[in-house]
Amino acid sequence: MKNIELDVTSMNIFDGLKMMVLSSAHNPECMLKCKGVSEDAKSLVSAFEVRNLEFV
């Protein structure tokens, strides 16, 4: 499984969530390692069924 690093530190919470969810759907065979994600964003993204996101 290929790993992709996604840095959302410079984005606001809504743009970061959009980037994570759409990237996850577009790359289902890759593991996305998301950097700079707040606890609020983690709880919001948990509402979606994404299995290839990892928060670092």
N, C-alpha and C. Protein backbone atom coordinates (compact mmCIF):
# COMPACT_ATOMS: atom_id res chain seq x y z
N MET A 1 0.85 -1.18 0.00
CA MET A 1 0.00 0.00 0.00
C MET A 1 0.89 1.24 0.00
N LYS A 2 0.63 2.13 -0.89
CA LYS A 2 1.40 3.37 -1.03
C LYS A 2 0.99 4.37 0.04
N ASN A 3 1.95 5.11 0.59
CA ASN A 3 1.67 6.14 1.58
C ASN A 3 1.78 7.51 0.94
N ILE A 4 0.83 8.38 1.28
CA ILE A 4 0.84 9.77 0.82
C ILE A 4 0.75 10.65 2.06
N GLU A 5 1.65 11.63 2.15
CA GLU A 5 1.60 12.58 3.26
C GLU A 5 0.80 13.80 2.85
N LEU A 6 -0.10 14.21 3.73
CA LEU A 6 -0.97 15.34 3.47
C LEU A 6 -0.82 16.32 4.63
N ASP A 7 -0.32 17.51 4.36
CA ASP A 7 -0.10 18.53 5.39
C ASP A 7 -1.21 19.56 5.31
N VAL A 8 -2.03 19.63 6.35
CA VAL A 8 -3.16 20.57 6.36
C VAL A 8 -2.98 21.65 7.42
N THR A 9 -1.74 21.88 7.86
CA THR A 9 -1.49 22.85 8.93
C THR A 9 -1.84 24.27 8.53
N SER A 10 -1.70 24.61 7.27
CA SER A 10 -1.95 25.98 6.84
C SER A 10 -3.40 26.22 6.41
N MET A 11 -4.24 25.19 6.48
CA MET A 11 -5.63 25.31 6.04
C MET A 11 -6.57 25.52 7.23
N ASN A 12 -7.69 26.15 6.96
CA ASN A 12 -8.70 26.23 8.01
C ASN A 12 -9.38 24.87 8.12
N ILE A 13 -10.20 24.68 9.15
CA ILE A 13 -10.75 23.36 9.44
C ILE A 13 -11.62 22.83 8.31
N PHE A 14 -12.39 23.68 7.66
CA PHE A 14 -13.28 23.22 6.60
C PHE A 14 -12.52 22.82 5.34
N ASP A 15 -11.52 23.61 4.96
CA ASP A 15 -10.71 23.25 3.79
C ASP A 15 -9.89 21.99 4.07
N GLY A 16 -9.39 21.85 5.29
CA GLY A 16 -8.64 20.66 5.65
C GLY A 16 -9.50 19.41 5.60
N LEU A 17 -10.73 19.50 6.13
CA LEU A 17 -11.66 18.36 6.09
C LEU A 17 -12.01 17.99 4.65
N LYS A 18 -12.26 19.00 3.84
CA LYS A 18 -12.59 18.75 2.44
C LYS A 18 -11.42 18.07 1.74
N MET A 19 -10.21 18.53 1.98
CA MET A 19 -9.03 17.95 1.36
C MET A 19 -8.84 16.50 1.81
N MET A 20 -9.02 16.22 3.10
CA MET A 20 -8.82 14.86 3.60
C MET A 20 -9.86 13.89 3.05
N VAL A 21 -11.12 14.28 3.08
CA VAL A 21 -12.19 13.37 2.64
C VAL A 21 -12.13 13.14 1.13
N LEU A 22 -11.92 14.19 0.36
CA LEU A 22 -11.85 14.03 -1.09
C LEU A 22 -10.60 13.27 -1.51
N SER A 23 -9.48 13.52 -0.85
CA SER A 23 -8.26 12.78 -1.16
C SER A 23 -8.40 11.31 -0.81
N SER A 24 -9.09 11.04 0.28
CA SER A 24 -9.33 9.66 0.69
C SER A 24 -10.19 8.93 -0.33
N ALA A 25 -11.21 9.59 -0.83
CA ALA A 25 -12.10 8.97 -1.82
C ALA A 25 -11.40 8.81 -3.17
N HIS A 26 -10.54 9.75 -3.51
CA HIS A 26 -9.86 9.71 -4.80
C HIS A 26 -8.72 8.68 -4.83
N ASN A 27 -8.15 8.38 -3.66
CA ASN A 27 -7.02 7.45 -3.56
C ASN A 27 -7.34 6.33 -2.58
N PRO A 28 -8.31 5.47 -2.87
CA PRO A 28 -8.70 4.44 -1.90
C PRO A 28 -7.63 3.38 -1.66
N GLU A 29 -6.69 3.23 -2.59
CA GLU A 29 -5.66 2.20 -2.44
C GLU A 29 -4.44 2.72 -1.68
N CYS A 30 -4.42 4.00 -1.31
CA CYS A 30 -3.29 4.61 -0.62
C CYS A 30 -3.66 4.92 0.83
N MET A 31 -2.64 4.90 1.70
CA MET A 31 -2.81 5.33 3.08
C MET A 31 -2.40 6.80 3.15
N LEU A 32 -3.32 7.65 3.59
CA LEU A 32 -3.04 9.09 3.69
C LEU A 32 -2.63 9.43 5.12
N LYS A 33 -1.43 9.94 5.27
CA LYS A 33 -0.93 10.34 6.58
C LYS A 33 -1.11 11.85 6.69
N CYS A 34 -2.07 12.25 7.52
CA CYS A 34 -2.46 13.66 7.64
C CYS A 34 -1.73 14.31 8.80
N LYS A 35 -1.05 15.40 8.51
CA LYS A 35 -0.28 16.14 9.49
C LYS A 35 -0.98 17.46 9.81
N GLY A 36 -0.99 17.83 11.09
CA GLY A 36 -1.53 19.11 11.49
C GLY A 36 -3.04 19.12 11.67
N VAL A 37 -3.60 17.99 12.06
CA VAL A 37 -5.05 17.88 12.21
C VAL A 37 -5.41 18.07 13.68
N SER A 38 -6.36 18.98 13.94
CA SER A 38 -6.79 19.24 15.31
C SER A 38 -7.75 18.15 15.79
N GLU A 39 -7.98 18.12 17.09
CA GLU A 39 -8.92 17.15 17.67
C GLU A 39 -10.33 17.38 17.15
N ASP A 40 -10.71 18.64 16.93
CA ASP A 40 -12.03 18.94 16.37
C ASP A 40 -12.18 18.38 14.96
N ALA A 41 -11.14 18.52 14.17
CA ALA A 41 -11.17 17.99 12.80
C ALA A 41 -11.24 16.47 12.81
N LYS A 42 -10.52 15.83 13.74
CA LYS A 42 -10.57 14.37 13.84
C LYS A 42 -11.97 13.89 14.16
N SER A 43 -12.64 14.58 15.06
CA SER A 43 -14.00 14.15 15.41
C SER A 43 -14.98 14.40 14.27
N LEU A 44 -14.77 15.46 13.51
CA LEU A 44 -15.66 15.72 12.36
C LEU A 44 -15.44 14.72 11.24
N VAL A 45 -14.20 14.37 10.97
CA VAL A 45 -13.92 13.44 9.87
C VAL A 45 -14.34 12.01 10.25
N SER A 46 -14.47 11.73 11.53
CA SER A 46 -14.91 10.40 11.94
C SER A 46 -16.36 10.14 11.55
N ALA A 47 -17.11 11.18 11.23
CA ALA A 47 -18.50 11.01 10.77
C ALA A 47 -18.56 10.40 9.38
N PHE A 48 -17.46 10.51 8.63
CA PHE A 48 -17.38 9.93 7.29
C PHE A 48 -16.75 8.55 7.39
N GLU A 49 -17.07 7.69 6.45
CA GLU A 49 -16.52 6.35 6.48
C GLU A 49 -15.25 6.32 5.63
N VAL A 50 -14.17 6.75 6.24
CA VAL A 50 -12.86 6.73 5.59
C VAL A 50 -11.96 5.80 6.38
N ARG A 51 -11.32 4.90 5.68
CA ARG A 51 -10.49 3.90 6.34
C ARG A 51 -9.02 4.06 6.03
N ASN A 52 -8.70 4.96 5.15
CA ASN A 52 -7.29 5.09 4.75
C ASN A 52 -6.68 6.41 5.23
N LEU A 53 -7.20 6.97 6.32
CA LEU A 53 -6.61 8.17 6.91
C LEU A 53 -5.89 7.81 8.20
N GLU A 54 -4.70 8.35 8.35
CA GLU A 54 -3.93 8.18 9.58
C GLU A 54 -3.50 9.57 10.02
N PHE A 55 -3.69 9.89 11.29
CA PHE A 55 -3.34 11.22 11.79
C PHE A 55 -2.01 11.15 12.50
N VAL A 56 -1.07 11.97 12.02
CA VAL A 56 0.27 12.00 12.63
C VAL A 56 0.58 13.38 13.17
